[in-house]
Amino acid sequence: MMPKKTAFITQALGNFAGDNDEEKYANFLTSEPTVVVKTIVGYELSKNNDKKNAAKQRLEDTKDPNGNPIDLTVYGPGTIASPSDEALAAFITREEFGRVHNYAQQDPDLPTPPDIPAPSQTSGF
């Protein structure tokens, strides 16, 4: 197995079902697309502090037209100033794919964002 693939499996796929690395990788590849993307985003954020800091800044800067911040509880534990890795990966996944965010004070006229699977259903960021 290639070193990069092994590192990815070890660091990012620990919570996927499988008796060995190859089974975990196969289960990862057959997951829902949102789970795959969120896993890759989380892995990249864990490897690169510049990307992680930029993602945190985007999270802090994202506001609705009335200036309300993101409702971080939709994405995972933590606060806007100190989001968990899970919450940050979920936020960036939604941000990059043009999904509507939940805000601290949701405008009833905004569409409801589609669900991102809960951590227990994903790789466990």
PDB file of N, CA and C in Angstrom:
ATOM      1  N   MET A   1       0.839  -1.176   0.000  1.00  0.00           N
ATOM      2  CA  MET A   1       0.000   0.000   0.000  1.00  0.00           C
ATOM      3  C   MET A   1       0.887   1.243   0.000  1.00  0.00           C
ATOM      4  N   MET A   2       0.480   2.274  -0.699  1.00  0.00           N
ATOM      5  CA  MET A   2       1.259   3.513  -0.792  1.00  0.00           C
ATOM      6  C   MET A   2       1.255   4.249   0.546  1.00  0.00           C
ATOM      7  N   PRO A   3       2.365   4.925   0.913  1.00  0.00           N
ATOM      8  CA  PRO A   3       2.452   5.615   2.205  1.00  0.00           C
ATOM      9  C   PRO A   3       1.355   6.662   2.420  1.00  0.00           C
ATOM     10  N   LYS A   4       1.010   7.439   1.392  1.00  0.00           N
ATOM     11  CA  LYS A   4      -0.027   8.459   1.556  1.00  0.00           C
ATOM     12  C   LYS A   4      -1.383   7.826   1.829  1.00  0.00           C
ATOM     13  N   LYS A   5      -1.678   6.737   1.133  1.00  0.00           N
ATOM     14  CA  LYS A   5      -2.941   6.037   1.344  1.00  0.00           C
ATOM     15  C   LYS A   5      -2.981   5.463   2.760  1.00  0.00           C
ATOM     16  N   THR A   6      -1.892   4.886   3.211  1.00  0.00           N
ATOM     17  CA  THR A   6      -1.823   4.332   4.565  1.00  0.00           C
ATOM     18  C   THR A   6      -2.026   5.426   5.603  1.00  0.00           C
ATOM     19  N   ALA A   7      -1.379   6.570   5.419  1.00  0.00           N
ATOM     20  CA  ALA A   7      -1.538   7.689   6.356  1.00  0.00           C
ATOM     21  C   ALA A   7      -2.985   8.172   6.378  1.00  0.00           C
ATOM     22  N   PHE A   8      -3.607   8.270   5.219  1.00  0.00           N
ATOM     23  CA  PHE A   8      -5.000   8.697   5.129  1.00  0.00           C
ATOM     24  C   PHE A   8      -5.908   7.729   5.881  1.00  0.00           C
ATOM     25  N   ILE A   9      -5.723   6.439   5.649  1.00  0.00           N
ATOM     26  CA  ILE A   9      -6.555   5.432   6.312  1.00  0.00           C
ATOM     27  C   ILE A   9      -6.356   5.496   7.821  1.00  0.00           C
ATOM     28  N   THR A  10      -5.119   5.574   8.251  1.00  0.00           N
ATOM     29  CA  THR A  10      -4.818   5.600   9.682  1.00  0.00           C
ATOM     30  C   THR A  10      -5.404   6.831  10.361  1.00  0.00           C
ATOM     31  N   GLN A  11      -5.259   7.996   9.737  1.00  0.00           N
ATOM     32  CA  GLN A  11      -5.683   9.244  10.363  1.00  0.00           C
ATOM     33  C   GLN A  11      -7.152   9.566  10.157  1.00  0.00           C
ATOM     34  N   ALA A  12      -7.704   9.258   9.013  1.00  0.00           N
ATOM     35  CA  ALA A  12      -9.047   9.731   8.690  1.00  0.00           C
ATOM     36  C   ALA A  12     -10.127   8.661   8.756  1.00  0.00           C
ATOM     37  N   LEU A  13      -9.762   7.408   8.640  1.00  0.00           N
ATOM     38  CA  LEU A  13     -10.784   6.372   8.511  1.00  0.00           C
ATOM     39  C   LEU A  13     -10.884   5.445   9.717  1.00  0.00           C
ATOM     40  N   GLY A  14     -10.355   5.869  10.834  1.00  0.00           N
ATOM     41  CA  GLY A  14     -10.348   5.022  12.014  1.00  0.00           C
ATOM     42  C   GLY A  14     -11.713   4.544  12.470  1.00  0.00           C
ATOM     43  N   ASN A  15     -12.766   5.334  12.261  1.00  0.00           N
ATOM     44  CA  ASN A  15     -14.100   4.961  12.726  1.00  0.00           C
ATOM     45  C   ASN A  15     -14.934   4.231  11.681  1.00  0.00           C
ATOM     46  N   PHE A  16     -14.403   4.030  10.498  1.00  0.00           N
ATOM     47  CA  PHE A  16     -15.141   3.280   9.487  1.00  0.00           C
ATOM     48  C   PHE A  16     -15.081   1.793   9.822  1.00  0.00           C
ATOM     49  N   ALA A  17     -16.131   1.077   9.476  1.00  0.00           N
ATOM     50  CA  ALA A  17     -16.181  -0.361   9.735  1.00  0.00           C
ATOM     51  C   ALA A  17     -15.160  -1.082   8.864  1.00  0.00           C
ATOM     52  N   GLY A  18     -14.591  -2.116   9.404  1.00  0.00           N
ATOM     53  CA  GLY A  18     -13.640  -2.928   8.653  1.00  0.00           C
ATOM     54  C   GLY A  18     -12.633  -3.563   9.580  1.00  0.00           C
ATOM     55  N   ASP A  19     -12.241  -4.772   9.254  1.00  0.00           N
ATOM     56  CA  ASP A  19     -11.278  -5.498  10.075  1.00  0.00           C
ATOM     57  C   ASP A  19      -9.842  -5.099   9.776  1.00  0.00           C
ATOM     58  N   ASN A  20      -9.617  -4.465   8.627  1.00  0.00           N
ATOM     59  CA  ASN A  20      -8.263  -4.043   8.258  1.00  0.00           C
ATOM     60  C   ASN A  20      -8.361  -2.770   7.419  1.00  0.00           C
ATOM     61  N   ASP A  21      -7.212  -2.226   7.062  1.00  0.00           N
ATOM     62  CA  ASP A  21      -7.174  -0.959   6.330  1.00  0.00           C
ATOM     63  C   ASP A  21      -7.895  -1.035   4.989  1.00  0.00           C
ATOM     64  N   GLU A  22      -7.710  -2.129   4.281  1.00  0.00           N
ATOM     65  CA  GLU A  22      -8.343  -2.255   2.960  1.00  0.00           C
ATOM     66  C   GLU A  22      -9.871  -2.272   3.071  1.00  0.00           C
ATOM     67  N   GLU A  23     -10.415  -2.950   4.086  1.00  0.00           N
ATOM     68  CA  GLU A  23     -11.864  -2.975   4.281  1.00  0.00           C
ATOM     69  C   GLU A  23     -12.383  -1.591   4.664  1.00  0.00           C
ATOM     70  N   LYS A  24     -11.648  -0.887   5.530  1.00  0.00           N
ATOM     71  CA  LYS A  24     -12.050   0.470   5.914  1.00  0.00           C
ATOM     72  C   LYS A  24     -12.060   1.380   4.686  1.00  0.00           C
ATOM     73  N   TYR A  25     -11.035   1.258   3.858  1.00  0.00           N
ATOM     74  CA  TYR A  25     -10.947   2.080   2.654  1.00  0.00           C
ATOM     75  C   TYR A  25     -12.090   1.756   1.690  1.00  0.00           C
ATOM     76  N   ALA A  26     -12.403   0.487   1.530  1.00  0.00           N
ATOM     77  CA  ALA A  26     -13.511   0.080   0.653  1.00  0.00           C
ATOM     78  C   ALA A  26     -14.837   0.615   1.187  1.00  0.00           C
ATOM     79  N   ASN A  27     -15.048   0.560   2.492  1.00  0.00           N
ATOM     80  CA  ASN A  27     -16.279   1.095   3.088  1.00  0.00           C
ATOM     81  C   ASN A  27     -16.354   2.611   2.933  1.00  0.00           C
ATOM     82  N   PHE A  28     -15.208   3.267   3.052  1.00  0.00           N
ATOM     83  CA  PHE A  28     -15.156   4.716   2.837  1.00  0.00           C
ATOM     84  C   PHE A  28     -15.598   5.062   1.415  1.00  0.00           C
ATOM     85  N   LEU A  29     -15.072   4.348   0.435  1.00  0.00           N
ATOM     86  CA  LEU A  29     -15.379   4.638  -0.972  1.00  0.00           C
ATOM     87  C   LEU A  29     -16.835   4.368  -1.333  1.00  0.00           C
ATOM     88  N   THR A  30     -17.505   3.518  -0.585  1.00  0.00           N
ATOM     89  CA  THR A  30     -18.916   3.227  -0.877  1.00  0.00           C
ATOM     90  C   THR A  30     -19.861   4.040   0.004  1.00  0.00           C
ATOM     91  N   SER A  31     -19.338   4.980   0.787  1.00  0.00           N
ATOM     92  CA  SER A  31     -20.165   5.846   1.630  1.00  0.00           C
ATOM     93  C   SER A  31     -20.892   6.873   0.767  1.00  0.00           C
ATOM     94  N   GLU A  32     -21.859   7.554   1.399  1.00  0.00           N
ATOM     95  CA  GLU A  32     -22.563   8.641   0.720  1.00  0.00           C
ATOM     96  C   GLU A  32     -21.556   9.718   0.326  1.00  0.00           C
ATOM     97  N   PRO A  33     -21.782  10.409  -0.792  1.00  0.00           N
ATOM     98  CA  PRO A  33     -20.837  11.444  -1.230  1.00  0.00           C
ATOM     99  C   PRO A  33     -20.552  12.506  -0.169  1.00  0.00           C
ATOM    100  N   THR A  34     -21.556  12.916   0.590  1.00  0.00           N
ATOM    101  CA  THR A  34     -21.339  13.928   1.629  1.00  0.00           C
ATOM    102  C   THR A  34     -20.352  13.426   2.672  1.00  0.00           C
ATOM    103  N   VAL A  35     -20.448  12.166   3.031  1.00  0.00           N
ATOM    104  CA  VAL A  35     -19.542  11.577   4.016  1.00  0.00           C
ATOM    105  C   VAL A  35     -18.122  11.537   3.462  1.00  0.00           C
ATOM    106  N   VAL A  36     -17.984  11.165   2.208  1.00  0.00           N
ATOM    107  CA  VAL A  36     -16.665  11.102   1.573  1.00  0.00           C
ATOM    108  C   VAL A  36     -16.024  12.488   1.556  1.00  0.00           C
ATOM    109  N   VAL A  37     -16.768  13.479   1.104  1.00  0.00           N
ATOM    110  CA  VAL A  37     -16.224  14.840   1.019  1.00  0.00           C
ATOM    111  C   VAL A  37     -15.882  15.367   2.402  1.00  0.00           C
ATOM    112  N   LYS A  38     -16.781  15.182   3.370  1.00  0.00           N
ATOM    113  CA  LYS A  38     -16.527  15.673   4.729  1.00  0.00           C
ATOM    114  C   LYS A  38     -15.291  14.995   5.326  1.00  0.00           C
ATOM    115  N   THR A  39     -15.096  13.723   5.062  1.00  0.00           N
ATOM    116  CA  THR A  39     -13.924  13.000   5.561  1.00  0.00           C
ATOM    117  C   THR A  39     -12.646  13.573   4.958  1.00  0.00           C
ATOM    118  N   ILE A  40     -12.655  13.814   3.667  1.00  0.00           N
ATOM    119  CA  ILE A  40     -11.475  14.366   2.997  1.00  0.00           C
ATOM    120  C   ILE A  40     -11.192  15.788   3.483  1.00  0.00           C
ATOM    121  N   VAL A  41     -12.235  16.607   3.614  1.00  0.00           N
ATOM    122  CA  VAL A  41     -12.062  17.977   4.114  1.00  0.00           C
ATOM    123  C   VAL A  41     -11.459  17.943   5.518  1.00  0.00           C
ATOM    124  N   GLY A  42     -12.005  17.106   6.386  1.00  0.00           N
ATOM    125  CA  GLY A  42     -11.484  16.999   7.747  1.00  0.00           C
ATOM    126  C   GLY A  42     -10.030  16.558   7.784  1.00  0.00           C
ATOM    127  N   TYR A  43      -9.683  15.615   6.924  1.00  0.00           N
ATOM    128  CA  TYR A  43      -8.303  15.140   6.841  1.00  0.00           C
ATOM    129  C   TYR A  43      -7.371  16.265   6.394  1.00  0.00           C
ATOM    130  N   GLU A  44      -7.776  16.994   5.372  1.00  0.00           N
ATOM    131  CA  GLU A  44      -6.947  18.105   4.884  1.00  0.00           C
ATOM    132  C   GLU A  44      -6.787  19.190   5.947  1.00  0.00           C
ATOM    133  N   LEU A  45      -7.859  19.499   6.669  1.00  0.00           N
ATOM    134  CA  LEU A  45      -7.773  20.504   7.727  1.00  0.00           C
ATOM    135  C   LEU A  45      -6.852  20.040   8.851  1.00  0.00           C
ATOM    136  N   SER A  46      -6.859  18.743   9.136  1.00  0.00           N
ATOM    137  CA  SER A  46      -6.002  18.232  10.212  1.00  0.00           C
ATOM    138  C   SER A  46      -4.526  18.267   9.834  1.00  0.00           C
ATOM    139  N   LYS A  47      -4.224  18.231   8.537  1.00  0.00           N
ATOM    140  CA  LYS A  47      -2.839  18.222   8.067  1.00  0.00           C
ATOM    141  C   LYS A  47      -2.260  19.613   7.850  1.00  0.00           C
ATOM    142  N   ASN A  48      -3.102  20.612   7.667  1.00  0.00           N
ATOM    143  CA  ASN A  48      -2.622  21.911   7.223  1.00  0.00           C
ATOM    144  C   ASN A  48      -3.196  23.027   8.096  1.00  0.00           C
ATOM    145  N   ASN A  49      -2.355  23.590   8.972  1.00  0.00           N
ATOM    146  CA  ASN A  49      -2.810  24.642   9.886  1.00  0.00           C
ATOM    147  C   ASN A  49      -3.254  25.904   9.161  1.00  0.00           C
ATOM    148  N   ASP A  50      -2.621  26.220   8.026  1.00  0.00           N
ATOM    149  CA  ASP A  50      -3.032  27.407   7.274  1.00  0.00           C
ATOM    150  C   ASP A  50      -4.464  27.245   6.763  1.00  0.00           C
ATOM    151  N   LYS A  51      -4.781  26.062   6.233  1.00  0.00           N
ATOM    152  CA  LYS A  51      -6.148  25.798   5.764  1.00  0.00           C
ATOM    153  C   LYS A  51      -7.129  25.818   6.936  1.00  0.00           C
ATOM    154  N   LYS A  52      -6.708  25.243   8.057  1.00  0.00           N
ATOM    155  CA  LYS A  52      -7.579  25.201   9.238  1.00  0.00           C
ATOM    156  C   LYS A  52      -7.853  26.622   9.744  1.00  0.00           C
ATOM    157  N   ASN A  53      -6.824  27.450   9.815  1.00  0.00           N
ATOM    158  CA  ASN A  53      -7.012  28.830  10.267  1.00  0.00           C
ATOM    159  C   ASN A  53      -7.881  29.622   9.298  1.00  0.00           C
ATOM    160  N   ALA A  54      -7.702  29.392   8.002  1.00  0.00           N
ATOM    161  CA  ALA A  54      -8.539  30.062   7.006  1.00  0.00           C
ATOM    162  C   ALA A  54     -10.000  29.618   7.144  1.00  0.00           C
ATOM    163  N   ALA A  55     -10.207  28.331   7.416  1.00  0.00           N
ATOM    164  CA  ALA A  55     -11.568  27.814   7.599  1.00  0.00           C
ATOM    165  C   ALA A  55     -12.206  28.420   8.846  1.00  0.00           C
ATOM    166  N   LYS A  56     -11.437  28.540   9.933  1.00  0.00           N
ATOM    167  CA  LYS A  56     -11.955  29.173  11.153  1.00  0.00           C
ATOM    168  C   LYS A  56     -12.348  30.618  10.878  1.00  0.00           C
ATOM    169  N   GLN A  57     -11.504  31.320  10.108  1.00  0.00           N
ATOM    170  CA  GLN A  57     -11.817  32.718   9.781  1.00  0.00           C
ATOM    171  C   GLN A  57     -13.095  32.804   8.956  1.00  0.00           C
ATOM    172  N   ARG A  58     -13.272  31.912   7.987  1.00  0.00           N
ATOM    173  CA  ARG A  58     -14.513  31.886   7.185  1.00  0.00           C
ATOM    174  C   ARG A  58     -15.716  31.637   8.072  1.00  0.00           C
ATOM    175  N   LEU A  59     -15.568  30.745   9.043  1.00  0.00           N
ATOM    176  CA  LEU A  59     -16.657  30.449   9.978  1.00  0.00           C
ATOM    177  C   LEU A  59     -17.020  31.694  10.771  1.00  0.00           C
ATOM    178  N   GLU A  60     -16.033  32.391  11.285  1.00  0.00           N
ATOM    179  CA  GLU A  60     -16.279  33.608  12.062  1.00  0.00           C
ATOM    180  C   GLU A  60     -16.896  34.710  11.206  1.00  0.00           C
ATOM    181  N   ASP A  61     -16.489  34.787   9.942  1.00  0.00           N
ATOM    182  CA  ASP A  61     -16.948  35.858   9.063  1.00  0.00           C
ATOM    183  C   ASP A  61     -18.317  35.603   8.433  1.00  0.00           C
ATOM    184  N   THR A  62     -18.811  34.378   8.452  1.00  0.00           N
ATOM    185  CA  THR A  62     -20.069  34.055   7.785  1.00  0.00           C
ATOM    186  C   THR A  62     -21.243  34.541   8.621  1.00  0.00           C
ATOM    187  N   LYS A  63     -22.005  35.438   8.050  1.00  0.00           N
ATOM    188  CA  LYS A  63     -23.168  36.028   8.726  1.00  0.00           C
ATOM    189  C   LYS A  63     -24.329  36.082   7.737  1.00  0.00           C
ATOM    190  N   ASP A  64     -25.534  36.080   8.275  1.00  0.00           N
ATOM    191  CA  ASP A  64     -26.700  36.259   7.411  1.00  0.00           C
ATOM    192  C   ASP A  64     -26.840  37.748   7.090  1.00  0.00           C
ATOM    193  N   PRO A  65     -27.796  38.146   6.236  1.00  0.00           N
ATOM    194  CA  PRO A  65     -27.924  39.564   5.881  1.00  0.00           C
ATOM    195  C   PRO A  65     -28.172  40.493   7.071  1.00  0.00           C
ATOM    196  N   ASN A  66     -28.685  39.946   8.176  1.00  0.00           N
ATOM    197  CA  ASN A  66     -28.927  40.756   9.376  1.00  0.00           C
ATOM    198  C   ASN A  66     -27.740  40.750  10.337  1.00  0.00           C
ATOM    199  N   GLY A  67     -26.652  40.098   9.957  1.00  0.00           N
ATOM    200  CA  GLY A  67     -25.456  40.063  10.798  1.00  0.00           C
ATOM    201  C   GLY A  67     -25.445  38.953  11.834  1.00  0.00           C
ATOM    202  N   ASN A  68     -26.377  38.009  11.746  1.00  0.00           N
ATOM    203  CA  ASN A  68     -26.409  36.901  12.702  1.00  0.00           C
ATOM    204  C   ASN A  68     -25.341  35.869  12.354  1.00  0.00           C
ATOM    205  N   PRO A  69     -24.665  35.332  13.375  1.00  0.00           N
ATOM    206  CA  PRO A  69     -23.629  34.324  13.122  1.00  0.00           C
ATOM    207  C   PRO A  69     -24.224  32.952  12.828  1.00  0.00           C
ATOM    208  N   ILE A  70     -23.356  32.048  12.416  1.00  0.00           N
ATOM    209  CA  ILE A  70     -23.722  30.652  12.180  1.00  0.00           C
ATOM    210  C   ILE A  70     -24.178  30.023  13.488  1.00  0.00           C
ATOM    211  N   ASP A  71     -25.155  29.131  13.425  1.00  0.00           N
ATOM    212  CA  ASP A  71     -25.543  28.304  14.566  1.00  0.00           C
ATOM    213  C   ASP A  71     -24.640  27.080  14.521  1.00  0.00           C
ATOM    214  N   LEU A  72     -23.559  27.104  15.268  1.00  0.00           N
ATOM    215  CA  LEU A  72     -22.546  26.055  15.201  1.00  0.00           C
ATOM    216  C   LEU A  72     -23.062  24.695  15.649  1.00  0.00           C
ATOM    217  N   THR A  73     -24.111  24.671  16.464  1.00  0.00           N
ATOM    218  CA  THR A  73     -24.625  23.393  16.969  1.00  0.00           C
ATOM    219  C   THR A  73     -25.099  22.484  15.841  1.00  0.00           C
ATOM    220  N   VAL A  74     -25.397  23.043  14.672  1.00  0.00           N
ATOM    221  CA  VAL A  74     -25.806  22.247  13.520  1.00  0.00           C
ATOM    222  C   VAL A  74     -24.639  21.398  13.018  1.00  0.00           C
ATOM    223  N   TYR A  75     -23.439  21.879  13.191  1.00  0.00           N
ATOM    224  CA  TYR A  75     -22.253  21.235  12.628  1.00  0.00           C
ATOM    225  C   TYR A  75     -21.519  20.326  13.599  1.00  0.00           C
ATOM    226  N   GLY A  76     -21.597  20.624  14.878  1.00  0.00           N
ATOM    227  CA  GLY A  76     -20.889  19.832  15.868  1.00  0.00           C
ATOM    228  C   GLY A  76     -20.554  20.670  17.088  1.00  0.00           C
ATOM    229  N   PRO A  77     -19.812  20.096  18.033  1.00  0.00           N
ATOM    230  CA  PRO A  77     -19.499  20.810  19.269  1.00  0.00           C
ATOM    231  C   PRO A  77     -18.493  21.940  19.059  1.00  0.00           C
ATOM    232  N   GLY A  78     -18.431  22.805  20.056  1.00  0.00           N
ATOM    233  CA  GLY A  78     -17.485  23.909  20.029  1.00  0.00           C
ATOM    234  C   GLY A  78     -18.195  25.241  19.956  1.00  0.00           C
ATOM    235  N   THR A  79     -17.411  26.282  19.820  1.00  0.00           N
ATOM    236  CA  THR A  79     -17.930  27.644  19.692  1.00  0.00           C
ATOM    237  C   THR A  79     -17.408  28.228  18.389  1.00  0.00           C
ATOM    238  N   ILE A  80     -17.957  29.365  17.997  1.00  0.00           N
ATOM    239  CA  ILE A  80     -17.476  30.027  16.784  1.00  0.00           C
ATOM    240  C   ILE A  80     -15.980  30.324  16.920  1.00  0.00           C
ATOM    241  N   ALA A  81     -15.557  30.777  18.092  1.00  0.00           N
ATOM    242  CA  ALA A  81     -14.146  31.113  18.303  1.00  0.00           C
ATOM    243  C   ALA A  81     -13.264  29.874  18.392  1.00  0.00           C
ATOM    244  N   SER A  82     -13.839  28.749  18.823  1.00  0.00           N
ATOM    245  CA  SER A  82     -13.064  27.521  18.986  1.00  0.00           C
ATOM    246  C   SER A  82     -13.895  26.308  18.559  1.00  0.00           C
ATOM    247  N   PRO A  83     -14.110  26.159  17.244  1.00  0.00           N
ATOM    248  CA  PRO A  83     -14.932  25.045  16.765  1.00  0.00           C
ATOM    249  C   PRO A  83     -14.178  23.720  16.856  1.00  0.00           C
ATOM    250  N   SER A  84     -14.926  22.640  17.032  1.00  0.00           N
ATOM    251  CA  SER A  84     -14.301  21.317  16.988  1.00  0.00           C
ATOM    252  C   SER A  84     -13.896  21.026  15.539  1.00  0.00           C
ATOM    253  N   ASP A  85     -13.003  20.080  15.357  1.00  0.00           N
ATOM    254  CA  ASP A  85     -12.605  19.683  14.005  1.00  0.00           C
ATOM    255  C   ASP A  85     -13.808  19.167  13.225  1.00  0.00           C
ATOM    256  N   GLU A  86     -14.680  18.449  13.911  1.00  0.00           N
ATOM    257  CA  GLU A  86     -15.903  17.915  13.294  1.00  0.00           C
ATOM    258  C   GLU A  86     -16.784  19.047  12.770  1.00  0.00           C
ATOM    259  N   ALA A  87     -17.004  20.064  13.612  1.00  0.00           N
ATOM    260  CA  ALA A  87     -17.853  21.187  13.223  1.00  0.00           C
ATOM    261  C   ALA A  87     -17.224  21.965  12.071  1.00  0.00           C
ATOM    262  N   LEU A  88     -15.926  22.152  12.119  1.00  0.00           N
ATOM    263  CA  LEU A  88     -15.233  22.893  11.069  1.00  0.00           C
ATOM    264  C   LEU A  88     -15.308  22.156   9.731  1.00  0.00           C
ATOM    265  N   ALA A  89     -15.112  20.852   9.747  1.00  0.00           N
ATOM    266  CA  ALA A  89     -15.199  20.065   8.509  1.00  0.00           C
ATOM    267  C   ALA A  89     -16.617  20.101   7.936  1.00  0.00           C
ATOM    268  N   ALA A  90     -17.621  19.989   8.797  1.00  0.00           N
ATOM    269  CA  ALA A  90     -19.016  20.036   8.336  1.00  0.00           C
ATOM    270  C   ALA A  90     -19.355  21.411   7.766  1.00  0.00           C
ATOM    271  N   PHE A  91     -18.884  22.476   8.423  1.00  0.00           N
ATOM    272  CA  PHE A  91     -19.130  23.834   7.935  1.00  0.00           C
ATOM    273  C   PHE A  91     -18.504  24.030   6.557  1.00  0.00           C
ATOM    274  N   ILE A  92     -17.241  23.656   6.401  1.00  0.00           N
ATOM    275  CA  ILE A  92     -16.553  23.851   5.124  1.00  0.00           C
ATOM    276  C   ILE A  92     -17.198  23.016   4.029  1.00  0.00           C
ATOM    277  N   THR A  93     -17.606  21.800   4.358  1.00  0.00           N
ATOM    278  CA  THR A  93     -18.283  20.966   3.364  1.00  0.00           C
ATOM    279  C   THR A  93     -19.533  21.659   2.861  1.00  0.00           C
ATOM    280  N   ARG A  94     -20.329  22.167   3.778  1.00  0.00           N
ATOM    281  CA  ARG A  94     -21.560  22.864   3.392  1.00  0.00           C
ATOM    282  C   ARG A  94     -21.228  24.158   2.643  1.00  0.00           C
ATOM    283  N   GLU A  95     -20.229  24.876   3.091  1.00  0.00           N
ATOM    284  CA  GLU A  95     -19.830  26.139   2.468  1.00  0.00           C
ATOM    285  C   GLU A  95     -19.378  25.923   1.019  1.00  0.00           C
ATOM    286  N   GLU A  96     -18.561  24.909   0.802  1.00  0.00           N
ATOM    287  CA  GLU A  96     -18.007  24.665  -0.527  1.00  0.00           C
ATOM    288  C   GLU A  96     -19.047  24.145  -1.520  1.00  0.00           C
ATOM    289  N   PHE A  97     -20.091  23.519  -1.014  1.00  0.00           N
ATOM    290  CA  PHE A  97     -21.102  22.976  -1.911  1.00  0.00           C
ATOM    291  C   PHE A  97     -22.349  23.835  -1.988  1.00  0.00           C
ATOM    292  N   GLY A  98     -22.234  25.087  -1.516  1.00  0.00           N
ATOM    293  CA  GLY A  98     -23.296  26.066  -1.705  1.00  0.00           C
ATOM    294  C   GLY A  98     -24.569  25.789  -0.939  1.00  0.00           C
ATOM    295  N   ARG A  99     -24.476  25.115   0.182  1.00  0.00           N
ATOM    296  CA  ARG A  99     -25.662  24.850   0.988  1.00  0.00           C
ATOM    297  C   ARG A  99     -25.963  26.060   1.866  1.00  0.00           C
ATOM    298  N   VAL A 100     -27.219  26.241   2.200  1.00  0.00           N
ATOM    299  CA  VAL A 100     -27.626  27.333   3.080  1.00  0.00           C
ATOM    300  C   VAL A 100     -27.267  26.956   4.512  1.00  0.00           C
ATOM    301  N   HIS A 101     -26.689  27.904   5.254  1.00  0.00           N
ATOM    302  CA  HIS A 101     -26.319  27.657   6.644  1.00  0.00           C
ATOM    303  C   HIS A 101     -27.491  27.958   7.570  1.00  0.00           C
ATOM    304  N   ASN A 102     -27.473  27.345   8.746  1.00  0.00           N
ATOM    305  CA  ASN A 102     -28.385  27.728   9.814  1.00  0.00           C
ATOM    306  C   ASN A 102     -27.718  28.853  10.584  1.00  0.00           C
ATOM    307  N   TYR A 103     -28.471  29.902  10.872  1.00  0.00           N
ATOM    308  CA  TYR A 103     -27.947  31.043  11.600  1.00  0.00           C
ATOM    309  C   TYR A 103     -28.500  31.039  13.018  1.00  0.00           C
ATOM    310  N   ALA A 104     -27.857  31.809  13.898  1.00  0.00           N
ATOM    311  CA  ALA A 104     -28.288  31.853  15.289  1.00  0.00           C
ATOM    312  C   ALA A 104     -29.753  32.286  15.388  1.00  0.00           C
ATOM    313  N   GLN A 105     -30.159  33.210  14.531  1.00  0.00           N
ATOM    314  CA  GLN A 105     -31.558  33.611  14.442  1.00  0.00           C
ATOM    315  C   GLN A 105     -31.976  33.363  13.008  1.00  0.00           C
ATOM    316  N   GLN A 106     -32.604  32.233  12.777  1.00  0.00           N
ATOM    317  CA  GLN A 106     -32.941  31.824  11.413  1.00  0.00           C
ATOM    318  C   GLN A 106     -34.067  32.665  10.840  1.00  0.00           C
ATOM    319  N   ASP A 107     -33.871  33.172   9.645  1.00  0.00           N
ATOM    320  CA  ASP A 107     -34.904  33.893   8.915  1.00  0.00           C
ATOM    321  C   ASP A 107     -35.905  32.862   8.409  1.00  0.00           C
ATOM    322  N   PRO A 108     -37.186  32.982   8.771  1.00  0.00           N
ATOM    323  CA  PRO A 108     -38.160  31.967   8.346  1.00  0.00           C
ATOM    324  C   PRO A 108     -38.345  31.892   6.832  1.00  0.00           C
ATOM    325  N   ASP A 109     -37.906  32.913   6.098  1.00  0.00           N
ATOM    326  CA  ASP A 109     -38.046  32.902   4.647  1.00  0.00           C
ATOM    327  C   ASP A 109     -36.904  32.165   3.943  1.00  0.00           C
ATOM    328  N   LEU A 110     -35.832  31.836   4.672  1.00  0.00           N
ATOM    329  CA  LEU A 110     -34.715  31.112   4.071  1.00  0.00           C
ATOM    330  C   LEU A 110     -35.050  29.629   3.988  1.00  0.00           C
ATOM    331  N   PRO A 111     -34.569  28.959   2.955  1.00  0.00           N
ATOM    332  CA  PRO A 111     -34.816  27.513   2.870  1.00  0.00           C
ATOM    333  C   PRO A 111     -34.072  26.773   3.981  1.00  0.00           C
ATOM    334  N   THR A 112     -34.589  25.651   4.383  1.00  0.00           N
ATOM    335  CA  THR A 112     -33.939  24.818   5.388  1.00  0.00           C
ATOM    336  C   THR A 112     -32.780  24.086   4.734  1.00  0.00           C
ATOM    337  N   PRO A 113     -31.597  24.134   5.350  1.00  0.00           N
ATOM    338  CA  PRO A 113     -30.450  23.451   4.746  1.00  0.00           C
ATOM    339  C   PRO A 113     -30.611  21.940   4.794  1.00  0.00           C
ATOM    340  N   PRO A 114     -30.060  21.250   3.803  1.00  0.00           N
ATOM    341  CA  PRO A 114     -30.108  19.787   3.834  1.00  0.00           C
ATOM    342  C   PRO A 114     -29.222  19.274   4.956  1.00  0.00           C
ATOM    343  N   ASP A 115     -29.537  18.106   5.448  1.00  0.00           N
ATOM    344  CA  ASP A 115     -28.789  17.543   6.568  1.00  0.00           C
ATOM    345  C   ASP A 115     -27.437  17.019   6.129  1.00  0.00           C
ATOM    346  N   ILE A 116     -26.455  17.230   6.987  1.00  0.00           N
ATOM    347  CA  ILE A 116     -25.170  16.564   6.875  1.00  0.00           C
ATOM    348  C   ILE A 116     -25.229  15.469   7.924  1.00  0.00           C
ATOM    349  N   PRO A 117     -24.901  14.241   7.597  1.00  0.00           N
ATOM    350  CA  PRO A 117     -25.040  13.156   8.566  1.00  0.00           C
ATOM    351  C   PRO A 117     -24.352  13.452   9.892  1.00  0.00           C
ATOM    352  N   ALA A 118     -24.965  13.028  10.964  1.00  0.00           N
ATOM    353  CA  ALA A 118     -24.404  13.213  12.310  1.00  0.00           C
ATOM    354  C   ALA A 118     -23.092  12.450  12.424  1.00  0.00           C
ATOM    355  N   PRO A 119     -22.240  12.847  13.365  1.00  0.00           N
ATOM    356  CA  PRO A 119     -20.931  12.199  13.487  1.00  0.00           C
ATOM    357  C   PRO A 119     -21.002  10.690  13.651  1.00  0.00           C
ATOM    358  N   SER A 120     -22.025  10.190  14.323  1.00  0.00           N
ATOM    359  CA  SER A 120     -22.120   8.742  14.509  1.00  0.00           C
ATOM    360  C   SER A 120     -22.380   8.009  13.190  1.00  0.00           C
ATOM    361  N   GLN A 121     -22.819   8.739  12.180  1.00  0.00           N
ATOM    362  CA  GLN A 121     -23.098   8.140  10.875  1.00  0.00           C
ATOM    363  C   GLN A 121     -21.942   8.350   9.906  1.00  0.00           C
ATOM    364  N   THR A 122     -20.900   9.050  10.337  1.00  0.00           N
ATOM    365  CA  THR A 122     -19.796   9.384   9.447  1.00  0.00           C
ATOM    366  C   THR A 122     -18.497   8.833  10.002  1.00  0.00           C
ATOM    367  N   SER A 123     -17.423   9.416   9.565  1.00  0.00           N
ATOM    368  CA  SER A 123     -16.107   8.943   9.991  1.00  0.00           C
ATOM    369  C   SER A 123     -15.765   9.373  11.410  1.00  0.00           C
ATOM    370  N   GLY A 124     -16.585  10.209  12.044  1.00  0.00           N
ATOM    371  CA  GLY A 124     -16.374  10.561  13.436  1.00  0.00           C
ATOM    372  C   GLY A 124     -15.430  11.699  13.696  1.00  0.00           C
ATOM    373  N   PHE A 125     -15.481  12.754  12.916  1.00  0.00           N
ATOM    374  CA  PHE A 125     -14.624  13.907  13.168  1.00  0.00           C
ATOM    375  C   PHE A 125     -14.919  14.477  14.529  1.00  0.00           C
TER     376      PHE A 125
END
